[in-house]
């Protein structure tokens, strides 16, 4: 079974349809933090990109 049907998750969106949905982040129970890789505190999900 596809885990995306059962678990809470985030999927990337892109202006290029071939790149949308390529990255999937599954959210764990409890608190989830999302931010930059170089943030002062560790993040559960680190975001990166060209800028």
PDB file of N, CA and C in Angstrom:
ATOM      1  N   UNK A   1       0.837  -1.187   0.000  1.00  0.00           N
ATOM      2  CA  UNK A   1       0.000   0.000   0.000  1.00  0.00           C
ATOM      3  C   UNK A   1       0.880   1.248   0.000  1.00  0.00           C
ATOM      4  N   UNK A   2       0.424   2.264  -0.672  1.00  0.00           N
ATOM      5  CA  UNK A   2       1.145   3.529  -0.756  1.00  0.00           C
ATOM      6  C   UNK A   2       1.056   4.251   0.580  1.00  0.00           C
ATOM      7  N   UNK A   3       2.189   4.547   1.176  1.00  0.00           N
ATOM      8  CA  UNK A   3       2.245   5.210   2.483  1.00  0.00           C
ATOM      9  C   UNK A   3       1.574   6.583   2.442  1.00  0.00           C
ATOM     10  N   UNK A   4       1.572   7.224   1.299  1.00  0.00           N
ATOM     11  CA  UNK A   4       0.967   8.556   1.168  1.00  0.00           C
ATOM     12  C   UNK A   4      -0.546   8.522   1.387  1.00  0.00           C
ATOM     13  N   UNK A   5      -1.166   7.373   1.249  1.00  0.00           N
ATOM     14  CA  UNK A   5      -2.605   7.256   1.485  1.00  0.00           C
ATOM     15  C   UNK A   5      -2.927   7.144   2.969  1.00  0.00           C
ATOM     16  N   UNK A   6      -1.929   6.781   3.777  1.00  0.00           N
ATOM     17  CA  UNK A   6      -2.174   6.528   5.194  1.00  0.00           C
ATOM     18  C   UNK A   6      -1.595   7.603   6.115  1.00  0.00           C
ATOM     19  N   UNK A   7      -0.450   8.172   5.764  1.00  0.00           N
ATOM     20  CA  UNK A   7       0.280   9.059   6.663  1.00  0.00           C
ATOM     21  C   UNK A   7       0.211  10.509   6.195  1.00  0.00           C
ATOM     22  N   UNK A   8       0.281  11.430   7.166  1.00  0.00           N
ATOM     23  CA  UNK A   8       0.327  12.855   6.853  1.00  0.00           C
ATOM     24  C   UNK A   8       1.665  13.157   6.196  1.00  0.00           C
ATOM     25  N   UNK A   9       1.629  13.944   5.114  1.00  0.00           N
ATOM     26  CA  UNK A   9       2.859  14.211   4.378  1.00  0.00           C
ATOM     27  C   UNK A   9       2.787  15.546   3.645  1.00  0.00           C
ATOM     28  N   UNK A  10       3.941  16.026   3.248  1.00  0.00           N
ATOM     29  CA  UNK A  10       4.080  17.228   2.430  1.00  0.00           C
ATOM     30  C   UNK A  10       4.743  16.820   1.120  1.00  0.00           C
ATOM     31  N   UNK A  11       4.266  17.379   0.022  1.00  0.00           N
ATOM     32  CA  UNK A  11       4.829  17.075  -1.300  1.00  0.00           C
ATOM     33  C   UNK A  11       5.265  18.383  -1.951  1.00  0.00           C
ATOM     34  N   UNK A  12       6.431  18.354  -2.614  1.00  0.00           N
ATOM     35  CA  UNK A  12       6.906  19.574  -3.262  1.00  0.00           C
ATOM     36  C   UNK A  12       6.068  19.913  -4.490  1.00  0.00           C
ATOM     37  N   UNK A  13       5.968  21.199  -4.760  1.00  0.00           N
ATOM     38  CA  UNK A  13       5.306  21.707  -5.964  1.00  0.00           C
ATOM     39  C   UNK A  13       6.333  22.470  -6.779  1.00  0.00           C
ATOM     40  N   UNK A  14       6.242  22.359  -8.078  1.00  0.00           N
ATOM     41  CA  UNK A  14       7.183  23.024  -8.959  1.00  0.00           C
ATOM     42  C   UNK A  14       6.439  23.488 -10.200  1.00  0.00           C
ATOM     43  N   UNK A  15       6.917  24.557 -10.809  1.00  0.00           N
ATOM     44  CA  UNK A  15       6.278  25.039 -12.034  1.00  0.00           C
ATOM     45  C   UNK A  15       6.432  24.036 -13.172  1.00  0.00           C
ATOM     46  N   UNK A  16       7.443  23.190 -13.091  1.00  0.00           N
ATOM     47  CA  UNK A  16       7.653  22.119 -14.069  1.00  0.00           C
ATOM     48  C   UNK A  16       6.912  20.875 -13.569  1.00  0.00           C
ATOM     49  N   UNK A  17       5.876  20.427 -14.264  1.00  0.00           N
ATOM     50  CA  UNK A  17       5.091  19.275 -13.803  1.00  0.00           C
ATOM     51  C   UNK A  17       5.929  18.002 -13.601  1.00  0.00           C
ATOM     52  N   UNK A  18       7.025  17.873 -14.307  1.00  0.00           N
ATOM     53  CA  UNK A  18       7.881  16.694 -14.153  1.00  0.00           C
ATOM     54  C   UNK A  18       8.600  16.674 -12.796  1.00  0.00           C
ATOM     55  N   UNK A  19       8.730  17.837 -12.160  1.00  0.00           N
ATOM     56  CA  UNK A  19       9.420  17.928 -10.878  1.00  0.00           C
ATOM     57  C   UNK A  19       8.472  18.009  -9.686  1.00  0.00           C
ATOM     58  N   UNK A  20       7.198  18.237  -9.923  1.00  0.00           N
ATOM     59  CA  UNK A  20       6.226  18.281  -8.831  1.00  0.00           C
ATOM     60  C   UNK A  20       5.980  16.881  -8.292  1.00  0.00           C
ATOM     61  N   UNK A  21       5.887  16.777  -6.971  1.00  0.00           N
ATOM     62  CA  UNK A  21       5.603  15.489  -6.340  1.00  0.00           C
ATOM     63  C   UNK A  21       6.799  14.575  -6.229  1.00  0.00           C
ATOM     64  N   UNK A  22       7.984  15.074  -6.552  1.00  0.00           N
ATOM     65  CA  UNK A  22       9.190  14.235  -6.517  1.00  0.00           C
ATOM     66  C   UNK A  22       9.678  14.041  -5.082  1.00  0.00           C
ATOM     67  N   UNK A  23       9.571  15.079  -4.252  1.00  0.00           N
ATOM     68  CA  UNK A  23      10.047  15.012  -2.876  1.00  0.00           C
ATOM     69  C   UNK A  23       8.844  14.907  -1.948  1.00  0.00           C
ATOM     70  N   UNK A  24       8.874  13.903  -1.071  1.00  0.00           N
ATOM     71  CA  UNK A  24       7.798  13.695  -0.108  1.00  0.00           C
ATOM     72  C   UNK A  24       8.401  13.685   1.285  1.00  0.00           C
ATOM     73  N   UNK A  25       7.854  14.510   2.188  1.00  0.00           N
ATOM     74  CA  UNK A  25       8.274  14.527   3.586  1.00  0.00           C
ATOM     75  C   UNK A  25       7.109  13.995   4.417  1.00  0.00           C
ATOM     76  N   UNK A  26       7.346  12.915   5.168  1.00  0.00           N
ATOM     77  CA  UNK A  26       6.325  12.381   6.044  1.00  0.00           C
ATOM     78  C   UNK A  26       6.441  13.051   7.404  1.00  0.00           C
ATOM     79  N   UNK A  27       5.311  13.459   7.956  1.00  0.00           N
ATOM     80  CA  UNK A  27       5.268  14.187   9.215  1.00  0.00           C
ATOM     81  C   UNK A  27       5.071  13.183  10.349  1.00  0.00           C
ATOM     82  N   UNK A  28       5.967  13.224  11.327  1.00  0.00           N
ATOM     83  CA  UNK A  28       5.880  12.328  12.481  1.00  0.00           C
ATOM     84  C   UNK A  28       4.865  12.868  13.476  1.00  0.00           C
ATOM     85  N   UNK A  29       4.406  12.001  14.376  1.00  0.00           N
ATOM     86  CA  UNK A  29       3.521  12.432  15.455  1.00  0.00           C
ATOM     87  C   UNK A  29       4.256  13.421  16.350  1.00  0.00           C
ATOM     88  N   UNK A  30       3.529  14.343  16.916  1.00  0.00           N
ATOM     89  CA  UNK A  30       4.138  15.338  17.787  1.00  0.00           C
ATOM     90  C   UNK A  30       4.460  16.607  17.029  1.00  0.00           C
ATOM     91  N   UNK A  31       5.459  17.311  17.498  1.00  0.00           N
ATOM     92  CA  UNK A  31       5.836  18.590  16.902  1.00  0.00           C
ATOM     93  C   UNK A  31       6.815  18.385  15.751  1.00  0.00           C
ATOM     94  N   UNK A  32       6.549  19.045  14.641  1.00  0.00           N
ATOM     95  CA  UNK A  32       7.433  19.019  13.480  1.00  0.00           C
ATOM     96  C   UNK A  32       7.867  20.445  13.187  1.00  0.00           C
ATOM     97  N   UNK A  33       9.172  20.652  13.061  1.00  0.00           N
ATOM     98  CA  UNK A  33       9.683  21.972  12.700  1.00  0.00           C
ATOM     99  C   UNK A  33      10.207  21.926  11.280  1.00  0.00           C
ATOM    100  N   UNK A  34       9.951  22.999  10.560  1.00  0.00           N
ATOM    101  CA  UNK A  34      10.365  23.096   9.158  1.00  0.00           C
ATOM    102  C   UNK A  34      11.158  24.378   9.008  1.00  0.00           C
ATOM    103  N   UNK A  35      12.338  24.283   8.403  1.00  0.00           N
ATOM    104  CA  UNK A  35      13.139  25.482   8.226  1.00  0.00           C
ATOM    105  C   UNK A  35      14.427  25.214   7.485  1.00  0.00           C
ATOM    106  N   UNK A  36      15.309  26.174   7.597  1.00  0.00           N
ATOM    107  CA  UNK A  36      16.587  26.113   6.881  1.00  0.00           C
ATOM    108  C   UNK A  36      17.541  25.122   7.544  1.00  0.00           C
ATOM    109  N   UNK A  37      18.397  24.559   6.733  1.00  0.00           N
ATOM    110  CA  UNK A  37      19.403  23.619   7.216  1.00  0.00           C
ATOM    111  C   UNK A  37      20.386  24.290   8.167  1.00  0.00           C
ATOM    112  N   UNK A  38      20.645  25.581   7.983  1.00  0.00           N
ATOM    113  CA  UNK A  38      21.606  26.301   8.815  1.00  0.00           C
ATOM    114  C   UNK A  38      20.934  27.093   9.935  1.00  0.00           C
ATOM    115  N   UNK A  39      19.710  26.719  10.318  1.00  0.00           N
ATOM    116  CA  UNK A  39      18.992  27.410  11.387  1.00  0.00           C
ATOM    117  C   UNK A  39      19.679  27.179  12.729  1.00  0.00           C
ATOM    118  N   UNK A  40      19.388  28.047  13.678  1.00  0.00           N
ATOM    119  CA  UNK A  40      19.999  27.964  15.008  1.00  0.00           C
ATOM    120  C   UNK A  40      19.645  26.645  15.698  1.00  0.00           C
ATOM    121  N   UNK A  41      18.415  26.197  15.547  1.00  0.00           N
ATOM    122  CA  UNK A  41      17.957  24.941  16.143  1.00  0.00           C
ATOM    123  C   UNK A  41      17.735  23.914  15.036  1.00  0.00           C
ATOM    124  N   UNK A  42      17.949  22.646  15.357  1.00  0.00           N
ATOM    125  CA  UNK A  42      17.769  21.571  14.367  1.00  0.00           C
ATOM    126  C   UNK A  42      16.309  21.510  13.922  1.00  0.00           C
ATOM    127  N   UNK A  43      16.092  21.262  12.654  1.00  0.00           N
ATOM    128  CA  UNK A  43      14.767  21.179  12.048  1.00  0.00           C
ATOM    129  C   UNK A  43      14.418  19.733  11.760  1.00  0.00           C
ATOM    130  N   UNK A  44      13.153  19.390  11.864  1.00  0.00           N
ATOM    131  CA  UNK A  44      12.700  18.048  11.487  1.00  0.00           C
ATOM    132  C   UNK A  44      12.736  17.876   9.969  1.00  0.00           C
ATOM    133  N   UNK A  45      12.352  18.934   9.265  1.00  0.00           N
ATOM    134  CA  UNK A  45      12.383  18.955   7.802  1.00  0.00           C
ATOM    135  C   UNK A  45      13.167  20.189   7.381  1.00  0.00           C
ATOM    136  N   UNK A  46      14.267  19.970   6.683  1.00  0.00           N
ATOM    137  CA  UNK A  46      15.104  21.075   6.225  1.00  0.00           C
ATOM    138  C   UNK A  46      14.760  21.418   4.785  1.00  0.00           C
ATOM    139  N   UNK A  47      14.578  22.699   4.539  1.00  0.00           N
ATOM    140  CA  UNK A  47      14.289  23.183   3.199  1.00  0.00           C
ATOM    141  C   UNK A  47      15.549  23.745   2.572  1.00  0.00           C
ATOM    142  N   UNK A  48      15.668  23.563   1.288  1.00  0.00           N
ATOM    143  CA  UNK A  48      16.809  24.118   0.565  1.00  0.00           C
ATOM    144  C   UNK A  48      16.354  24.483  -0.838  1.00  0.00           C
ATOM    145  N   UNK A  49      17.179  25.203  -1.518  1.00  0.00           N
ATOM    146  CA  UNK A  49      16.853  25.613  -2.865  1.00  0.00           C
ATOM    147  C   UNK A  49      17.904  26.529  -3.405  1.00  0.00           C
ATOM    148  N   UNK A  50      17.620  27.164  -4.495  1.00  0.00           N
ATOM    149  CA  UNK A  50      18.591  28.024  -5.126  1.00  0.00           C
ATOM    150  C   UNK A  50      18.821  29.309  -4.333  1.00  0.00           C
ATOM    151  N   UNK A  51      17.829  29.763  -3.588  1.00  0.00           N
ATOM    152  CA  UNK A  51      17.965  31.018  -2.850  1.00  0.00           C
ATOM    153  C   UNK A  51      17.796  30.752  -1.398  1.00  0.00           C
TER     154      UNK A  51
END
